[in-house]
Amino acid sequence: MEPTYDYIHQGGSYRYGVGWCRIRIYPGEAEGDAPVVLCSELPEDWGVGMVERLAAEVVRDRFASGLPDLPRPVLWIEHRPSRRGRGPGRYALLTFPTYRPRLEGAGFVRRVTLGTPHREPLTPREVAVLTGEG
């Protein structure tokens, strides 16, 4: 299945080059299914704790009309490539406490977030099934 979106996303940050990742968004298999977001780390630019902000920005920017009314309305898959270029790397399915972006922080340093995610490991085969590429 071809992704609806395939682009490089830079997270909103005051530091140059922080939070760059490749985002691919696949539609749900049937009407009302959760879309699948595959967030691939770009090795030179991953900031610690950025995924909850990146996810909130992607949800806010790409799903402005809303998400399906499901317990997990977006299947967010994090991909961390192998550092040595061998093998597919590691995948994880992230579950967020909320899927409604909210502001967090004080003063002018407020950022949008979905909260700290829970990670479940996925195999490359499971990712291929979820994205329709396998």
C-alpha atoms as a PDB file:
ATOM      1  CA  MET A   1       0.000   0.000   0.000  1.00  0.00           C
ATOM      2  CA  GLU A   2       1.282   3.467  -0.847  1.00  0.00           C
ATOM      3  CA  PRO A   3       1.483   5.988   1.982  1.00  0.00           C
ATOM      4  CA  THR A   4      -0.826   9.003   1.912  1.00  0.00           C
ATOM      5  CA  TYR A   5       2.090  11.131   3.119  1.00  0.00           C
ATOM      6  CA  ASP A   6       5.840  10.520   2.918  1.00  0.00           C
ATOM      7  CA  TYR A   7       7.967  13.445   4.062  1.00  0.00           C
ATOM      8  CA  ILE A   8      10.729  14.657   6.375  1.00  0.00           C
ATOM      9  CA  HIS A   9       9.294  16.335   9.478  1.00  0.00           C
ATOM     10  CA  GLN A  10      11.205  18.758  11.653  1.00  0.00           C
ATOM     11  CA  GLY A  11       9.837  19.080  15.150  1.00  0.00           C
ATOM     12  CA  GLY A  12       9.155  22.585  16.411  1.00  0.00           C
ATOM     13  CA  SER A  13      12.266  23.517  18.365  1.00  0.00           C
ATOM     14  CA  TYR A  14      14.516  26.457  19.030  1.00  0.00           C
ATOM     15  CA  ARG A  15      17.590  24.401  18.184  1.00  0.00           C
ATOM     16  CA  TYR A  16      18.467  23.792  14.541  1.00  0.00           C
ATOM     17  CA  GLY A  17      18.320  20.177  13.392  1.00  0.00           C
ATOM     18  CA  VAL A  18      16.564  18.739  16.441  1.00  0.00           C
ATOM     19  CA  GLY A  19      13.764  16.262  15.864  1.00  0.00           C
ATOM     20  CA  TRP A  20      14.072  15.471  12.174  1.00  0.00           C
ATOM     21  CA  CYS A  21      12.433  12.226  11.134  1.00  0.00           C
ATOM     22  CA  ARG A  22      10.840  10.602   8.108  1.00  0.00           C
ATOM     23  CA  ILE A  23       7.066  10.294   8.424  1.00  0.00           C
ATOM     24  CA  ARG A  24       5.005   7.898   6.332  1.00  0.00           C
ATOM     25  CA  ILE A  25       1.251   7.831   6.921  1.00  0.00           C
ATOM     26  CA  TYR A  26      -0.782   4.895   5.646  1.00  0.00           C
ATOM     27  CA  PRO A  27      -4.589   4.991   5.587  1.00  0.00           C
ATOM     28  CA  GLY A  28      -6.549   2.443   7.579  1.00  0.00           C
ATOM     29  CA  GLU A  29      -7.393  -0.700   5.649  1.00  0.00           C
ATOM     30  CA  ALA A  30     -11.137  -0.035   5.845  1.00  0.00           C
ATOM     31  CA  GLU A  31     -13.257   3.063   6.481  1.00  0.00           C
ATOM     32  CA  GLY A  32     -12.990   4.014  10.161  1.00  0.00           C
ATOM     33  CA  ASP A  33      -9.755   2.069  10.770  1.00  0.00           C
ATOM     34  CA  ALA A  34      -6.867   3.768  12.510  1.00  0.00           C
ATOM     35  CA  PRO A  35      -4.222   5.213  10.194  1.00  0.00           C
ATOM     36  CA  VAL A  36      -0.680   3.883  10.579  1.00  0.00           C
ATOM     37  CA  VAL A  37       2.169   6.357  11.084  1.00  0.00           C
ATOM     38  CA  LEU A  38       5.697   5.072  10.548  1.00  0.00           C
ATOM     39  CA  CYS A  39       8.214   7.461  12.115  1.00  0.00           C
ATOM     40  CA  SER A  40      11.750   6.589  11.042  1.00  0.00           C
ATOM     41  CA  GLU A  41      14.594   8.138  12.941  1.00  0.00           C
ATOM     42  CA  LEU A  42      17.165  10.001  10.942  1.00  0.00           C
ATOM     43  CA  PRO A  43      20.282   8.896  12.854  1.00  0.00           C
ATOM     44  CA  GLU A  44      22.095  12.224  12.972  1.00  0.00           C
ATOM     45  CA  ASP A  45      19.224  14.242  14.410  1.00  0.00           C
ATOM     46  CA  TRP A  46      17.194  12.397  17.053  1.00  0.00           C
ATOM     47  CA  GLY A  47      16.585  14.264  20.300  1.00  0.00           C
ATOM     48  CA  VAL A  48      15.759  12.461  23.547  1.00  0.00           C
ATOM     49  CA  GLY A  49      12.061  12.637  24.430  1.00  0.00           C
ATOM     50  CA  MET A  50      11.052  14.110  21.089  1.00  0.00           C
ATOM     51  CA  VAL A  51       8.564  11.467  19.979  1.00  0.00           C
ATOM     52  CA  GLU A  52       5.653  12.727  22.106  1.00  0.00           C
ATOM     53  CA  ARG A  53       6.092  16.211  20.624  1.00  0.00           C
ATOM     54  CA  LEU A  54       6.637  14.960  17.061  1.00  0.00           C
ATOM     55  CA  ALA A  55       3.559  12.741  17.308  1.00  0.00           C
ATOM     56  CA  ALA A  56       1.461  15.646  18.592  1.00  0.00           C
ATOM     57  CA  GLU A  57       2.652  17.870  15.741  1.00  0.00           C
ATOM     58  CA  VAL A  58       1.886  15.208  13.124  1.00  0.00           C
ATOM     59  CA  VAL A  59      -1.589  14.554  14.592  1.00  0.00           C
ATOM     60  CA  ARG A  60      -2.285  18.300  14.750  1.00  0.00           C
ATOM     61  CA  ASP A  61      -0.981  19.001  11.220  1.00  0.00           C
ATOM     62  CA  ARG A  62      -2.135  15.924   9.270  1.00  0.00           C
ATOM     63  CA  PHE A  63      -5.367  14.964  11.050  1.00  0.00           C
ATOM     64  CA  ALA A  64      -6.961  18.387  11.561  1.00  0.00           C
ATOM     65  CA  SER A  65     -10.389  16.955  10.662  1.00  0.00           C
ATOM     66  CA  GLY A  66     -10.085  14.428  13.501  1.00  0.00           C
ATOM     67  CA  LEU A  67      -9.140  10.844  14.164  1.00  0.00           C
ATOM     68  CA  PRO A  68     -11.343   7.736  14.246  1.00  0.00           C
ATOM     69  CA  ASP A  69     -13.197   7.186  17.522  1.00  0.00           C
ATOM     70  CA  LEU A  70     -11.107   4.214  18.609  1.00  0.00           C
ATOM     71  CA  PRO A  71      -9.176   3.384  21.808  1.00  0.00           C
ATOM     72  CA  ARG A  72      -5.979   3.738  19.751  1.00  0.00           C
ATOM     73  CA  PRO A  73      -6.943   6.122  16.902  1.00  0.00           C
ATOM     74  CA  VAL A  74      -3.430   6.165  15.402  1.00  0.00           C
ATOM     75  CA  LEU A  75      -1.044   3.229  15.157  1.00  0.00           C
ATOM     76  CA  TRP A  76       2.257   5.049  15.722  1.00  0.00           C
ATOM     77  CA  ILE A  77       5.274   2.927  14.830  1.00  0.00           C
ATOM     78  CA  GLU A  78       8.740   4.091  15.779  1.00  0.00           C
ATOM     79  CA  HIS A  79      11.629   2.810  13.669  1.00  0.00           C
ATOM     80  CA  ARG A  80      15.207   3.052  14.875  1.00  0.00           C
ATOM     81  CA  PRO A  81      17.570   1.961  12.090  1.00  0.00           C
ATOM     82  CA  SER A  82      20.568  -0.210  12.811  1.00  0.00           C
ATOM     83  CA  ARG A  83      23.562   1.984  13.607  1.00  0.00           C
ATOM     84  CA  ARG A  84      25.886  -0.237  11.604  1.00  0.00           C
ATOM     85  CA  GLY A  85      23.584  -0.483   8.599  1.00  0.00           C
ATOM     86  CA  ARG A  86      22.996  -4.190   9.119  1.00  0.00           C
ATOM     87  CA  GLY A  87      19.480  -5.482   9.412  1.00  0.00           C
ATOM     88  CA  PRO A  88      16.195  -3.631   9.611  1.00  0.00           C
ATOM     89  CA  GLY A  89      16.768  -1.973  12.983  1.00  0.00           C
ATOM     90  CA  ARG A  90      14.185  -1.931  15.781  1.00  0.00           C
ATOM     91  CA  TYR A  91      10.469  -1.188  15.660  1.00  0.00           C
ATOM     92  CA  ALA A  92       8.035  -0.316  18.443  1.00  0.00           C
ATOM     93  CA  LEU A  93       4.305   0.386  18.568  1.00  0.00           C
ATOM     94  CA  LEU A  94       3.682   3.438  20.748  1.00  0.00           C
ATOM     95  CA  THR A  95       0.557   4.031  22.818  1.00  0.00           C
ATOM     96  CA  PHE A  96       0.049   7.573  24.099  1.00  0.00           C
ATOM     97  CA  PRO A  97      -1.977   8.642  27.159  1.00  0.00           C
ATOM     98  CA  THR A  98      -4.008  10.938  24.881  1.00  0.00           C
ATOM     99  CA  TYR A  99      -4.306  11.473  21.147  1.00  0.00           C
ATOM    100  CA  ARG A 100      -5.422  15.085  21.478  1.00  0.00           C
ATOM    101  CA  PRO A 101      -2.438  17.419  21.250  1.00  0.00           C
ATOM    102  CA  ARG A 102      -2.145  19.629  24.337  1.00  0.00           C
ATOM    103  CA  LEU A 103       0.241  22.390  25.336  1.00  0.00           C
ATOM    104  CA  GLU A 104       2.827  21.663  27.996  1.00  0.00           C
ATOM    105  CA  GLY A 105       5.472  23.843  29.608  1.00  0.00           C
ATOM    106  CA  ALA A 106       5.696  27.308  31.062  1.00  0.00           C
ATOM    107  CA  GLY A 107       5.954  30.763  29.523  1.00  0.00           C
ATOM    108  CA  PHE A 108       6.946  31.063  25.890  1.00  0.00           C
ATOM    109  CA  VAL A 109       8.575  27.577  25.870  1.00  0.00           C
ATOM    110  CA  ARG A 110       5.270  25.730  25.614  1.00  0.00           C
ATOM    111  CA  ARG A 111       5.182  22.790  23.241  1.00  0.00           C
ATOM    112  CA  VAL A 112       2.418  20.537  22.001  1.00  0.00           C
ATOM    113  CA  THR A 113       2.547  16.930  23.283  1.00  0.00           C
ATOM    114  CA  LEU A 114       0.602  13.672  23.527  1.00  0.00           C
ATOM    115  CA  GLY A 115       2.370  12.622  26.746  1.00  0.00           C
ATOM    116  CA  THR A 116       4.959   9.941  27.445  1.00  0.00           C
ATOM    117  CA  PRO A 117       4.263   6.837  25.331  1.00  0.00           C
ATOM    118  CA  HIS A 118       4.290   3.157  26.240  1.00  0.00           C
ATOM    119  CA  ARG A 119       6.360   1.068  23.783  1.00  0.00           C
ATOM    120  CA  GLU A 120       5.675  -2.474  22.571  1.00  0.00           C
ATOM    121  CA  PRO A 121       8.282  -4.152  20.331  1.00  0.00           C
ATOM    122  CA  LEU A 122       7.237  -5.106  16.805  1.00  0.00           C
ATOM    123  CA  THR A 123       8.902  -7.386  14.292  1.00  0.00           C
ATOM    124  CA  PRO A 124       9.615  -6.193  10.734  1.00  0.00           C
ATOM    125  CA  ARG A 125       6.950  -8.677   9.549  1.00  0.00           C
ATOM    126  CA  GLU A 126       4.317  -7.115  11.851  1.00  0.00           C
ATOM    127  CA  VAL A 127       5.227  -3.658  10.523  1.00  0.00           C
ATOM    128  CA  ALA A 128       4.853  -4.903   6.937  1.00  0.00           C
ATOM    129  CA  VAL A 129       1.371  -6.237   7.718  1.00  0.00           C
ATOM    130  CA  LEU A 130       0.282  -2.992   9.442  1.00  0.00           C
ATOM    131  CA  THR A 131       1.541  -0.800   6.587  1.00  0.00           C
ATOM    132  CA  GLY A 132       0.196  -3.099   3.866  1.00  0.00           C
ATOM    133  CA  GLU A 133       3.684  -3.636   2.455  1.00  0.00           C
ATOM    134  CA  GLY A 134       3.877  -7.325   3.248  1.00  0.00           C
END
